[in-house]
Amino acid sequence: MLVNPRKASAEEAGDQDRLMALLAYIIGIIVPLIILLTDMKNRPFQRYHAVQALVAQVALMVIFFALGLIPIIGCIAPLLGLAAFALFIYYAIQAYQGYYFEIPVVTAFARQQGWIV
């Protein structure tokens, strides 16, 4: 599930950094936007997880919207939503433990756009 997990140093990921990274995955689009629109964006650990969570959540919204347009597959969307929520809980726990990790496709896209290093 995780690609290239790397533990952040104590200076990179303090308690507040890890908490905000956790909330970025759990609460949704609001927390990543707060991080990216305030001075918290200058904290590398918070910025990395905020961008990654935001890109993943927007991608999921687009996917679920497209699935909703297809009647037969649209009825499976709630199960996929539950699986996505469980995955985001896992990502949140990993972020709270101080790990940098890559979400396949999402992290590559964010790096390609120059949003994360």
PDB file of N, CA and C in Angstrom:
ATOM      1  N   MET A   1       0.807  -1.193   0.000  1.00  0.00           N
ATOM      2  CA  MET A   1       0.000   0.000   0.000  1.00  0.00           C
ATOM      3  C   MET A   1       0.852   1.260   0.000  1.00  0.00           C
ATOM      4  N   LEU A   2       1.926   1.246   0.771  1.00  0.00           N
ATOM      5  CA  LEU A   2       2.800   2.406   0.828  1.00  0.00           C
ATOM      6  C   LEU A   2       4.025   2.141  -0.026  1.00  0.00           C
ATOM      7  N   VAL A   3       4.436   3.153  -0.752  1.00  0.00           N
ATOM      8  CA  VAL A   3       5.623   3.056  -1.574  1.00  0.00           C
ATOM      9  C   VAL A   3       6.689   3.941  -0.939  1.00  0.00           C
ATOM     10  N   ASN A   4       7.879   3.412  -0.777  1.00  0.00           N
ATOM     11  CA  ASN A   4       9.026   4.151  -0.244  1.00  0.00           C
ATOM     12  C   ASN A   4       8.744   4.874   1.069  1.00  0.00           C
ATOM     13  N   PRO A   5       8.270   4.184   2.101  1.00  0.00           N
ATOM     14  CA  PRO A   5       8.057   4.894   3.370  1.00  0.00           C
ATOM     15  C   PRO A   5       9.397   5.316   3.970  1.00  0.00           C
ATOM     16  N   ARG A   6       9.443   6.528   4.502  1.00  0.00           N
ATOM     17  CA  ARG A   6      10.656   7.059   5.118  1.00  0.00           C
ATOM     18  C   ARG A   6      10.251   7.802   6.374  1.00  0.00           C
ATOM     19  N   LYS A   7      10.901   7.478   7.468  1.00  0.00           N
ATOM     20  CA  LYS A   7      10.600   8.119   8.752  1.00  0.00           C
ATOM     21  C   LYS A   7      11.204   9.523   8.754  1.00  0.00           C
ATOM     22  N   ALA A   8      10.400  10.501   9.144  1.00  0.00           N
ATOM     23  CA  ALA A   8      10.868  11.880   9.245  1.00  0.00           C
ATOM     24  C   ALA A   8      11.656  12.053  10.533  1.00  0.00           C
ATOM     25  N   SER A   9      12.582  12.999  10.523  1.00  0.00           N
ATOM     26  CA  SER A   9      13.337  13.285  11.742  1.00  0.00           C
ATOM     27  C   SER A   9      12.436  14.012  12.740  1.00  0.00           C
ATOM     28  N   ALA A  10      12.874  14.069  13.983  1.00  0.00           N
ATOM     29  CA  ALA A  10      12.079  14.725  15.032  1.00  0.00           C
ATOM     30  C   ALA A  10      11.902  16.212  14.744  1.00  0.00           C
ATOM     31  N   GLU A  11      12.903  16.848  14.111  1.00  0.00           N
ATOM     32  CA  GLU A  11      12.778  18.272  13.775  1.00  0.00           C
ATOM     33  C   GLU A  11      11.763  18.490  12.655  1.00  0.00           C
ATOM     34  N   GLU A  12      11.729  17.554  11.705  1.00  0.00           N
ATOM     35  CA  GLU A  12      10.803  17.677  10.578  1.00  0.00           C
ATOM     36  C   GLU A  12       9.361  17.456  11.001  1.00  0.00           C
ATOM     37  N   ALA A  13       9.164  16.508  11.892  1.00  0.00           N
ATOM     38  CA  ALA A  13       7.803  16.096  12.240  1.00  0.00           C
ATOM     39  C   ALA A  13       7.607  16.127  13.750  1.00  0.00           C
ATOM     40  N   GLY A  14       7.322  17.307  14.265  1.00  0.00           N
ATOM     41  CA  GLY A  14       6.989  17.434  15.675  1.00  0.00           C
ATOM     42  C   GLY A  14       5.558  16.976  15.910  1.00  0.00           C
ATOM     43  N   ASP A  15       5.110  17.090  17.143  1.00  0.00           N
ATOM     44  CA  ASP A  15       3.757  16.642  17.487  1.00  0.00           C
ATOM     45  C   ASP A  15       2.688  17.353  16.665  1.00  0.00           C
ATOM     46  N   GLN A  16       2.802  18.686  16.535  1.00  0.00           N
ATOM     47  CA  GLN A  16       1.796  19.433  15.775  1.00  0.00           C
ATOM     48  C   GLN A  16       1.844  19.063  14.295  1.00  0.00           C
ATOM     49  N   ASP A  17       3.049  18.868  13.762  1.00  0.00           N
ATOM     50  CA  ASP A  17       3.179  18.481  12.354  1.00  0.00           C
ATOM     51  C   ASP A  17       2.483  17.150  12.093  1.00  0.00           C
ATOM     52  N   ARG A  18       2.726  16.194  12.967  1.00  0.00           N
ATOM     53  CA  ARG A  18       2.128  14.869  12.790  1.00  0.00           C
ATOM     54  C   ARG A  18       0.615  14.910  12.967  1.00  0.00           C
ATOM     55  N   LEU A  19       0.144  15.712  13.914  1.00  0.00           N
ATOM     56  CA  LEU A  19      -1.302  15.835  14.125  1.00  0.00           C
ATOM     57  C   LEU A  19      -1.981  16.464  12.910  1.00  0.00           C
ATOM     58  N   MET A  20      -1.398  17.523  12.374  1.00  0.00           N
ATOM     59  CA  MET A  20      -1.998  18.172  11.200  1.00  0.00           C
ATOM     60  C   MET A  20      -1.963  17.244   9.981  1.00  0.00           C
ATOM     61  N   ALA A  21      -0.894  16.449   9.846  1.00  0.00           N
ATOM     62  CA  ALA A  21      -0.826  15.485   8.743  1.00  0.00           C
ATOM     63  C   ALA A  21      -1.930  14.443   8.886  1.00  0.00           C
ATOM     64  N   LEU A  22      -2.150  13.967  10.105  1.00  0.00           N
ATOM     65  CA  LEU A  22      -3.231  13.011  10.359  1.00  0.00           C
ATOM     66  C   LEU A  22      -4.576  13.622   9.978  1.00  0.00           C
ATOM     67  N   LEU A  23      -4.827  14.843  10.439  1.00  0.00           N
ATOM     68  CA  LEU A  23      -6.112  15.494  10.163  1.00  0.00           C
ATOM     69  C   LEU A  23      -6.310  15.770   8.673  1.00  0.00           C
ATOM     70  N   ALA A  24      -5.218  15.991   7.942  1.00  0.00           N
ATOM     71  CA  ALA A  24      -5.327  16.245   6.502  1.00  0.00           C
ATOM     72  C   ALA A  24      -5.945  15.056   5.779  1.00  0.00           C
ATOM     73  N   TYR A  25      -5.653  13.850   6.239  1.00  0.00           N
ATOM     74  CA  TYR A  25      -6.221  12.658   5.603  1.00  0.00           C
ATOM     75  C   TYR A  25      -7.624  12.353   6.102  1.00  0.00           C
ATOM     76  N   ILE A  26      -7.913  12.641   7.360  1.00  0.00           N
ATOM     77  CA  ILE A  26      -9.188  12.247   7.958  1.00  0.00           C
ATOM     78  C   ILE A  26     -10.303  13.249   7.689  1.00  0.00           C
ATOM     79  N   ILE A  27     -10.053  14.522   7.876  1.00  0.00           N
ATOM     80  CA  ILE A  27     -11.132  15.511   7.824  1.00  0.00           C
ATOM     81  C   ILE A  27     -11.506  15.884   6.396  1.00  0.00           C
ATOM     82  N   GLY A  28     -10.613  15.746   5.483  1.00  0.00           N
ATOM     83  CA  GLY A  28     -10.980  16.023   4.106  1.00  0.00           C
ATOM     84  C   GLY A  28     -10.317  17.267   3.564  1.00  0.00           C
ATOM     85  N   ILE A  29     -10.954  17.878   2.630  1.00  0.00           N
ATOM     86  CA  ILE A  29     -10.364  18.986   1.889  1.00  0.00           C
ATOM     87  C   ILE A  29     -10.100  20.210   2.766  1.00  0.00           C
ATOM     88  N   ILE A  30     -10.837  20.381   3.827  1.00  0.00           N
ATOM     89  CA  ILE A  30     -10.726  21.585   4.653  1.00  0.00           C
ATOM     90  C   ILE A  30      -9.345  21.716   5.290  1.00  0.00           C
ATOM     91  N   VAL A  31      -8.864  20.689   5.954  1.00  0.00           N
ATOM     92  CA  VAL A  31      -7.579  20.775   6.658  1.00  0.00           C
ATOM     93  C   VAL A  31      -6.410  20.962   5.688  1.00  0.00           C
ATOM     94  N   PRO A  32      -6.327  20.205   4.583  1.00  0.00           N
ATOM     95  CA  PRO A  32      -5.228  20.484   3.654  1.00  0.00           C
ATOM     96  C   PRO A  32      -5.245  21.924   3.136  1.00  0.00           C
ATOM     97  N   LEU A  33      -6.431  22.457   2.872  1.00  0.00           N
ATOM     98  CA  LEU A  33      -6.498  23.847   2.413  1.00  0.00           C
ATOM     99  C   LEU A  33      -6.043  24.815   3.496  1.00  0.00           C
ATOM    100  N   ILE A  34      -6.425  24.565   4.742  1.00  0.00           N
ATOM    101  CA  ILE A  34      -5.975  25.425   5.841  1.00  0.00           C
ATOM    102  C   ILE A  34      -4.450  25.394   5.931  1.00  0.00           C
ATOM    103  N   ILE A  35      -3.880  24.210   5.831  1.00  0.00           N
ATOM    104  CA  ILE A  35      -2.418  24.087   5.895  1.00  0.00           C
ATOM    105  C   ILE A  35      -1.770  24.863   4.757  1.00  0.00           C
ATOM    106  N   LEU A  36      -2.304  24.697   3.550  1.00  0.00           N
ATOM    107  CA  LEU A  36      -1.679  25.305   2.375  1.00  0.00           C
ATOM    108  C   LEU A  36      -1.925  26.807   2.263  1.00  0.00           C
ATOM    109  N   LEU A  37      -2.936  27.320   2.950  1.00  0.00           N
ATOM    110  CA  LEU A  37      -3.242  28.753   2.871  1.00  0.00           C
ATOM    111  C   LEU A  37      -2.725  29.545   4.071  1.00  0.00           C
ATOM    112  N   THR A  38      -2.054  28.885   4.992  1.00  0.00           N
ATOM    113  CA  THR A  38      -1.508  29.572   6.166  1.00  0.00           C
ATOM    114  C   THR A  38       0.002  29.345   6.229  1.00  0.00           C
ATOM    115  N   ASP A  39       0.609  29.826   7.287  1.00  0.00           N
ATOM    116  CA  ASP A  39       2.055  29.657   7.458  1.00  0.00           C
ATOM    117  C   ASP A  39       2.461  28.208   7.682  1.00  0.00           C
ATOM    118  N   MET A  40       1.499  27.346   7.932  1.00  0.00           N
ATOM    119  CA  MET A  40       1.821  25.930   8.133  1.00  0.00           C
ATOM    120  C   MET A  40       2.415  25.315   6.872  1.00  0.00           C
ATOM    121  N   LYS A  41       2.184  25.942   5.714  1.00  0.00           N
ATOM    122  CA  LYS A  41       2.724  25.408   4.463  1.00  0.00           C
ATOM    123  C   LYS A  41       4.248  25.442   4.447  1.00  0.00           C
ATOM    124  N   ASN A  42       4.852  26.217   5.344  1.00  0.00           N
ATOM    125  CA  ASN A  42       6.307  26.299   5.414  1.00  0.00           C
ATOM    126  C   ASN A  42       6.925  25.135   6.181  1.00  0.00           C
ATOM    127  N   ARG A  43       6.092  24.320   6.790  1.00  0.00           N
ATOM    128  CA  ARG A  43       6.567  23.119   7.482  1.00  0.00           C
ATOM    129  C   ARG A  43       6.553  21.969   6.467  1.00  0.00           C
ATOM    130  N   PRO A  44       7.723  21.444   6.082  1.00  0.00           N
ATOM    131  CA  PRO A  44       7.791  20.445   5.003  1.00  0.00           C
ATOM    132  C   PRO A  44       6.911  19.214   5.216  1.00  0.00           C
ATOM    133  N   PHE A  45       6.868  18.702   6.441  1.00  0.00           N
ATOM    134  CA  PHE A  45       6.078  17.497   6.698  1.00  0.00           C
ATOM    135  C   PHE A  45       4.594  17.772   6.504  1.00  0.00           C
ATOM    136  N   GLN A  46       4.121  18.894   7.045  1.00  0.00           N
ATOM    137  CA  GLN A  46       2.705  19.250   6.897  1.00  0.00           C
ATOM    138  C   GLN A  46       2.369  19.504   5.434  1.00  0.00           C
ATOM    139  N   ARG A  47       3.229  20.230   4.734  1.00  0.00           N
ATOM    140  CA  ARG A  47       2.968  20.549   3.328  1.00  0.00           C
ATOM    141  C   ARG A  47       2.898  19.276   2.476  1.00  0.00           C
ATOM    142  N   TYR A  48       3.857  18.371   2.679  1.00  0.00           N
ATOM    143  CA  TYR A  48       3.897  17.132   1.907  1.00  0.00           C
ATOM    144  C   TYR A  48       2.585  16.370   2.051  1.00  0.00           C
ATOM    145  N   HIS A  49       2.153  16.165   3.287  1.00  0.00           N
ATOM    146  CA  HIS A  49       0.940  15.382   3.510  1.00  0.00           C
ATOM    147  C   HIS A  49      -0.321  16.155   3.127  1.00  0.00           C
ATOM    148  N   ALA A  50      -0.318  17.471   3.284  1.00  0.00           N
ATOM    149  CA  ALA A  50      -1.485  18.261   2.882  1.00  0.00           C
ATOM    150  C   ALA A  50      -1.692  18.180   1.374  1.00  0.00           C
ATOM    151  N   VAL A  51      -0.609  18.345   0.615  1.00  0.00           N
ATOM    152  CA  VAL A  51      -0.719  18.272  -0.850  1.00  0.00           C
ATOM    153  C   VAL A  51      -1.139  16.873  -1.278  1.00  0.00           C
ATOM    154  N   GLN A  52      -0.499  15.867  -0.700  1.00  0.00           N
ATOM    155  CA  GLN A  52      -0.818  14.489  -1.076  1.00  0.00           C
ATOM    156  C   GLN A  52      -2.271  14.145  -0.739  1.00  0.00           C
ATOM    157  N   ALA A  53      -2.730  14.540   0.438  1.00  0.00           N
ATOM    158  CA  ALA A  53      -4.113  14.257   0.840  1.00  0.00           C
ATOM    159  C   ALA A  53      -5.099  15.007  -0.051  1.00  0.00           C
ATOM    160  N   LEU A  54      -4.807  16.268  -0.345  1.00  0.00           N
ATOM    161  CA  LEU A  54      -5.708  17.073  -1.172  1.00  0.00           C
ATOM    162  C   LEU A  54      -5.831  16.496  -2.581  1.00  0.00           C
ATOM    163  N   VAL A  55      -4.708  16.150  -3.191  1.00  0.00           N
ATOM    164  CA  VAL A  55      -4.739  15.578  -4.544  1.00  0.00           C
ATOM    165  C   VAL A  55      -5.501  14.251  -4.538  1.00  0.00           C
ATOM    166  N   ALA A  56      -5.257  13.411  -3.542  1.00  0.00           N
ATOM    167  CA  ALA A  56      -5.945  12.118  -3.464  1.00  0.00           C
ATOM    168  C   ALA A  56      -7.445  12.307  -3.275  1.00  0.00           C
ATOM    169  N   GLN A  57      -7.841  13.257  -2.434  1.00  0.00           N
ATOM    170  CA  GLN A  57      -9.264  13.469  -2.171  1.00  0.00           C
ATOM    171  C   GLN A  57      -9.985  14.057  -3.383  1.00  0.00           C
ATOM    172  N   VAL A  58      -9.334  14.966  -4.081  1.00  0.00           N
ATOM    173  CA  VAL A  58      -9.952  15.520  -5.294  1.00  0.00           C
ATOM    174  C   VAL A  58     -10.067  14.432  -6.358  1.00  0.00           C
ATOM    175  N   ALA A  59      -9.036  13.612  -6.495  1.00  0.00           N
ATOM    176  CA  ALA A  59      -9.090  12.508  -7.461  1.00  0.00           C
ATOM    177  C   ALA A  59     -10.231  11.550  -7.128  1.00  0.00           C
ATOM    178  N   LEU A  60     -10.404  11.244  -5.851  1.00  0.00           N
ATOM    179  CA  LEU A  60     -11.506  10.361  -5.449  1.00  0.00           C
ATOM    180  C   LEU A  60     -12.864  10.986  -5.750  1.00  0.00           C
ATOM    181  N   MET A  61     -12.997  12.280  -5.524  1.00  0.00           N
ATOM    182  CA  MET A  61     -14.276  12.938  -5.833  1.00  0.00           C
ATOM    183  C   MET A  61     -14.593  12.843  -7.321  1.00  0.00           C
ATOM    184  N   VAL A  62     -13.587  13.047  -8.158  1.00  0.00           N
ATOM    185  CA  VAL A  62     -13.794  12.950  -9.606  1.00  0.00           C
ATOM    186  C   VAL A  62     -14.170  11.518  -9.987  1.00  0.00           C
ATOM    187  N   ILE A  63     -13.476  10.552  -9.417  1.00  0.00           N
ATOM    188  CA  ILE A  63     -13.771   9.144  -9.712  1.00  0.00           C
ATOM    189  C   ILE A  63     -15.186   8.785  -9.278  1.00  0.00           C
ATOM    190  N   PHE A  64     -15.573   9.200  -8.070  1.00  0.00           N
ATOM    191  CA  PHE A  64     -16.915   8.871  -7.584  1.00  0.00           C
ATOM    192  C   PHE A  64     -17.996   9.588  -8.381  1.00  0.00           C
ATOM    193  N   PHE A  65     -17.724  10.792  -8.833  1.00  0.00           N
ATOM    194  CA  PHE A  65     -18.688  11.488  -9.688  1.00  0.00           C
ATOM    195  C   PHE A  65     -18.873  10.718 -10.993  1.00  0.00           C
ATOM    196  N   ALA A  66     -17.762  10.283 -11.591  1.00  0.00           N
ATOM    197  CA  ALA A  66     -17.842   9.521 -12.839  1.00  0.00           C
ATOM    198  C   ALA A  66     -18.564   8.190 -12.620  1.00  0.00           C
ATOM    199  N   LEU A  67     -18.283   7.528 -11.503  1.00  0.00           N
ATOM    200  CA  LEU A  67     -18.972   6.265 -11.216  1.00  0.00           C
ATOM    201  C   LEU A  67     -20.462   6.475 -10.998  1.00  0.00           C
ATOM    202  N   GLY A  68     -20.828   7.609 -10.441  1.00  0.00           N
ATOM    203  CA  GLY A  68     -22.238   7.909 -10.214  1.00  0.00           C
ATOM    204  C   GLY A  68     -23.019   8.071 -11.504  1.00  0.00           C
ATOM    205  N   LEU A  69     -22.328   8.393 -12.578  1.00  0.00           N
ATOM    206  CA  LEU A  69     -22.988   8.552 -13.870  1.00  0.00           C
ATOM    207  C   LEU A  69     -23.277   7.217 -14.549  1.00  0.00           C
ATOM    208  N   ILE A  70     -22.617   6.171 -14.097  1.00  0.00           N
ATOM    209  CA  ILE A  70     -22.803   4.839 -14.677  1.00  0.00           C
ATOM    210  C   ILE A  70     -23.715   4.049 -13.739  1.00  0.00           C
ATOM    211  N   PRO A  71     -24.948   3.763 -14.158  1.00  0.00           N
ATOM    212  CA  PRO A  71     -25.929   3.168 -13.244  1.00  0.00           C
ATOM    213  C   PRO A  71     -25.493   1.864 -12.575  1.00  0.00           C
ATOM    214  N   ILE A  72     -24.963   0.941 -13.313  1.00  0.00           N
ATOM    215  CA  ILE A  72     -24.626  -0.364 -12.737  1.00  0.00           C
ATOM    216  C   ILE A  72     -23.451  -0.247 -11.768  1.00  0.00           C
ATOM    217  N   ILE A  73     -22.432   0.478 -12.166  1.00  0.00           N
ATOM    218  CA  ILE A  73     -21.247   0.628 -11.315  1.00  0.00           C
ATOM    219  C   ILE A  73     -21.526   1.604 -10.181  1.00  0.00           C
ATOM    220  N   GLY A  74     -22.430   2.528 -10.397  1.00  0.00           N
ATOM    221  CA  GLY A  74     -22.746   3.520  -9.373  1.00  0.00           C
ATOM    222  C   GLY A  74     -23.232   2.919  -8.071  1.00  0.00           C
ATOM    223  N   CYS A  75     -23.874   1.764  -8.141  1.00  0.00           N
ATOM    224  CA  CYS A  75     -24.363   1.130  -6.910  1.00  0.00           C
ATOM    225  C   CYS A  75     -23.229   0.506  -6.104  1.00  0.00           C
ATOM    226  N   ILE A  76     -22.066   0.330  -6.715  1.00  0.00           N
ATOM    227  CA  ILE A  76     -20.900  -0.201  -6.006  1.00  0.00           C
ATOM    228  C   ILE A  76     -20.128   0.922  -5.313  1.00  0.00           C
ATOM    229  N   ALA A  77     -20.394   2.149  -5.676  1.00  0.00           N
ATOM    230  CA  ALA A  77     -19.650   3.297  -5.154  1.00  0.00           C
ATOM    231  C   ALA A  77     -19.605   3.364  -3.627  1.00  0.00           C
ATOM    232  N   PRO A  78     -20.704   3.070  -2.916  1.00  0.00           N
ATOM    233  CA  PRO A  78     -20.595   3.120  -1.446  1.00  0.00           C
ATOM    234  C   PRO A  78     -19.562   2.142  -0.879  1.00  0.00           C
ATOM    235  N   LEU A  79     -19.450   0.968  -1.478  1.00  0.00           N
ATOM    236  CA  LEU A  79     -18.435   0.015  -1.019  1.00  0.00           C
ATOM    237  C   LEU A  79     -17.034   0.534  -1.305  1.00  0.00           C
ATOM    238  N   LEU A  80     -16.866   1.133  -2.466  1.00  0.00           N
ATOM    239  CA  LEU A  80     -15.573   1.717  -2.795  1.00  0.00           C
ATOM    240  C   LEU A  80     -15.265   2.895  -1.879  1.00  0.00           C
ATOM    241  N   GLY A  81     -16.287   3.650  -1.519  1.00  0.00           N
ATOM    242  CA  GLY A  81     -16.111   4.765  -0.593  1.00  0.00           C
ATOM    243  C   GLY A  81     -15.659   4.290   0.778  1.00  0.00           C
ATOM    244  N   LEU A  82     -16.227   3.200   1.235  1.00  0.00           N
ATOM    245  CA  LEU A  82     -15.830   2.630   2.520  1.00  0.00           C
ATOM    246  C   LEU A  82     -14.380   2.149   2.471  1.00  0.00           C
ATOM    247  N   ALA A  83     -14.003   1.520   1.365  1.00  0.00           N
ATOM    248  CA  ALA A  83     -12.619   1.068   1.199  1.00  0.00           C
ATOM    249  C   ALA A  83     -11.666   2.261   1.156  1.00  0.00           C
ATOM    250  N   ALA A  84     -12.065   3.320   0.463  1.00  0.00           N
ATOM    251  CA  ALA A  84     -11.230   4.523   0.398  1.00  0.00           C
ATOM    252  C   ALA A  84     -11.079   5.150   1.778  1.00  0.00           C
ATOM    253  N   PHE A  85     -12.160   5.180   2.551  1.00  0.00           N
ATOM    254  CA  PHE A  85     -12.096   5.740   3.901  1.00  0.00           C
ATOM    255  C   PHE A  85     -11.135   4.937   4.775  1.00  0.00           C
ATOM    256  N   ALA A  86     -11.200   3.613   4.674  1.00  0.00           N
ATOM    257  CA  ALA A  86     -10.285   2.758   5.440  1.00  0.00           C
ATOM    258  C   ALA A  86      -8.837   3.012   5.029  1.00  0.00           C
ATOM    259  N   LEU A  87      -8.616   3.197   3.740  1.00  0.00           N
ATOM    260  CA  LEU A  87      -7.271   3.476   3.247  1.00  0.00           C
ATOM    261  C   LEU A  87      -6.766   4.819   3.772  1.00  0.00           C
ATOM    262  N   PHE A  88      -7.647   5.816   3.809  1.00  0.00           N
ATOM    263  CA  PHE A  88      -7.250   7.127   4.322  1.00  0.00           C
ATOM    264  C   PHE A  88      -6.964   7.071   5.826  1.00  0.00           C
ATOM    265  N   ILE A  89      -7.663   6.214   6.549  1.00  0.00           N
ATOM    266  CA  ILE A  89      -7.359   6.028   7.978  1.00  0.00           C
ATOM    267  C   ILE A  89      -5.948   5.447   8.114  1.00  0.00           C
ATOM    268  N   TYR A  90      -5.630   4.484   7.276  1.00  0.00           N
ATOM    269  CA  TYR A  90      -4.291   3.886   7.290  1.00  0.00           C
ATOM    270  C   TYR A  90      -3.233   4.940   6.972  1.00  0.00           C
ATOM    271  N   TYR A  91      -3.482   5.749   5.945  1.00  0.00           N
ATOM    272  CA  TYR A  91      -2.545   6.824   5.602  1.00  0.00           C
ATOM    273  C   TYR A  91      -2.386   7.800   6.763  1.00  0.00           C
ATOM    274  N   ALA A  92      -3.483   8.124   7.426  1.00  0.00           N
ATOM    275  CA  ALA A  92      -3.436   9.058   8.557  1.00  0.00           C
ATOM    276  C   ALA A  92      -2.574   8.497   9.686  1.00  0.00           C
ATOM    277  N   ILE A  93      -2.722   7.214   9.965  1.00  0.00           N
ATOM    278  CA  ILE A  93      -1.924   6.589  11.023  1.00  0.00           C
ATOM    279  C   ILE A  93      -0.443   6.620  10.659  1.00  0.00           C
ATOM    280  N   GLN A  94      -0.140   6.313   9.410  1.00  0.00           N
ATOM    281  CA  GLN A  94       1.259   6.343   8.977  1.00  0.00           C
ATOM    282  C   GLN A  94       1.832   7.761   9.070  1.00  0.00           C
ATOM    283  N   ALA A  95       1.050   8.748   8.694  1.00  0.00           N
ATOM    284  CA  ALA A  95       1.503  10.138   8.790  1.00  0.00           C
ATOM    285  C   ALA A  95       1.713  10.524  10.247  1.00  0.00           C
ATOM    286  N   TYR A  96       0.811  10.099  11.125  1.00  0.00           N
ATOM    287  CA  TYR A  96       0.944  10.432  12.544  1.00  0.00           C
ATOM    288  C   TYR A  96       2.171   9.760  13.166  1.00  0.00           C
ATOM    289  N   GLN A  97       2.558   8.626  12.626  1.00  0.00           N
ATOM    290  CA  GLN A  97       3.762   7.951  13.113  1.00  0.00           C
ATOM    291  C   GLN A  97       5.031   8.599  12.561  1.00  0.00           C
ATOM    292  N   GLY A  98       4.868   9.615  11.706  1.00  0.00           N
ATOM    293  CA  GLY A  98       6.014  10.374  11.225  1.00  0.00           C
ATOM    294  C   GLY A  98       6.609   9.896   9.922  1.00  0.00           C
ATOM    295  N   TYR A  99       5.843   9.178   9.121  1.00  0.00           N
ATOM    296  CA  TYR A  99       6.362   8.657   7.861  1.00  0.00           C
ATOM    297  C   TYR A  99       6.008   9.557   6.686  1.00  0.00           C
ATOM    298  N   TYR A 100       6.989   9.742   5.815  1.00  0.00           N
ATOM    299  CA  TYR A 100       6.737  10.230   4.464  1.00  0.00           C
ATOM    300  C   TYR A 100       6.487   8.970   3.645  1.00  0.00           C
ATOM    301  N   PHE A 101       5.490   8.956   2.801  1.00  0.00           N
ATOM    302  CA  PHE A 101       5.243   7.805   1.941  1.00  0.00           C
ATOM    303  C   PHE A 101       4.624   8.312   0.653  1.00  0.00           C
ATOM    304  N   GLU A 102       4.636   7.459  -0.347  1.00  0.00           N
ATOM    305  CA  GLU A 102       4.072   7.821  -1.645  1.00  0.00           C
ATOM    306  C   GLU A 102       2.795   7.029  -1.881  1.00  0.00           C
ATOM    307  N   ILE A 103       1.768   7.733  -2.324  1.00  0.00           N
ATOM    308  CA  ILE A 103       0.552   7.078  -2.789  1.00  0.00           C
ATOM    309  C   ILE A 103       0.728   6.942  -4.300  1.00  0.00           C
ATOM    310  N   PRO A 104       0.708   5.711  -4.828  1.00  0.00           N
ATOM    311  CA  PRO A 104       0.937   5.543  -6.261  1.00  0.00           C
ATOM    312  C   PRO A 104       0.044   6.467  -7.092  1.00  0.00           C
ATOM    313  N   VAL A 105       0.569   6.997  -8.131  1.00  0.00           N
ATOM    314  CA  VAL A 105      -0.053   7.919  -9.081  1.00  0.00           C
ATOM    315  C   VAL A 105      -0.244   9.310  -8.463  1.00  0.00           C
ATOM    316  N   VAL A 106      -0.799   9.390  -7.272  1.00  0.00           N
ATOM    317  CA  VAL A 106      -1.083  10.678  -6.630  1.00  0.00           C
ATOM    318  C   VAL A 106       0.205  11.448  -6.367  1.00  0.00           C
ATOM    319  N   THR A 107       1.167  10.803  -5.712  1.00  0.00           N
ATOM    320  CA  THR A 107       2.421  11.478  -5.379  1.00  0.00           C
ATOM    321  C   THR A 107       3.200  11.815  -6.642  1.00  0.00           C
ATOM    322  N   ALA A 108       3.205  10.906  -7.607  1.00  0.00           N
ATOM    323  CA  ALA A 108       3.904  11.173  -8.867  1.00  0.00           C
ATOM    324  C   ALA A 108       3.300  12.385  -9.568  1.00  0.00           C
ATOM    325  N   PHE A 109       1.975  12.487  -9.577  1.00  0.00           N
ATOM    326  CA  PHE A 109       1.307  13.635 -10.192  1.00  0.00           C
ATOM    327  C   PHE A 109       1.669  14.927  -9.463  1.00  0.00           C
ATOM    328  N   ALA A 110       1.630  14.906  -8.136  1.00  0.00           N
ATOM    329  CA  ALA A 110       1.948  16.108  -7.354  1.00  0.00           C
ATOM    330  C   ALA A 110       3.399  16.533  -7.571  1.00  0.00           C
ATOM    331  N   ARG A 111       4.301  15.575  -7.677  1.00  0.00           N
ATOM    332  CA  ARG A 111       5.711  15.909  -7.939  1.00  0.00           C
ATOM    333  C   ARG A 111       5.878  16.482  -9.339  1.00  0.00           C
ATOM    334  N   GLN A 112       5.191  15.900 -10.294  1.00  0.00           N
ATOM    335  CA  GLN A 112       5.275  16.369 -11.677  1.00  0.00           C
ATOM    336  C   GLN A 112       4.787  17.811 -11.792  1.00  0.00           C
ATOM    337  N   GLN A 113       3.786  18.166 -11.000  1.00  0.00           N
ATOM    338  CA  GLN A 113       3.261  19.528 -11.009  1.00  0.00           C
ATOM    339  C   GLN A 113       4.146  20.489 -10.211  1.00  0.00           C
ATOM    340  N   GLY A 114       5.097  19.952  -9.448  1.00  0.00           N
ATOM    341  CA  GLY A 114       5.978  20.781  -8.633  1.00  0.00           C
ATOM    342  C   GLY A 114       5.374  21.189  -7.303  1.00  0.00           C
ATOM    343  N   TRP A 115       4.322  20.512  -6.888  1.00  0.00           N
ATOM    344  CA  TRP A 115       3.652  20.858  -5.637  1.00  0.00           C
ATOM    345  C   TRP A 115       4.386  20.302  -4.430  1.00  0.00           C
ATOM    346  N   ILE A 116       5.071  19.166  -4.602  1.00  0.00           N
ATOM    347  CA  ILE A 116       5.906  18.612  -3.535  1.00  0.00           C
ATOM    348  C   ILE A 116       7.247  18.225  -4.126  1.00  0.00           C
ATOM    349  N   VAL A 117       8.238  18.153  -3.255  1.00  0.00           N
ATOM    350  CA  VAL A 117       9.599  17.836  -3.705  1.00  0.00           C
ATOM    351  C   VAL A 117       9.886  16.383  -3.451  1.00  0.00           C
TER     352      VAL A 117
END
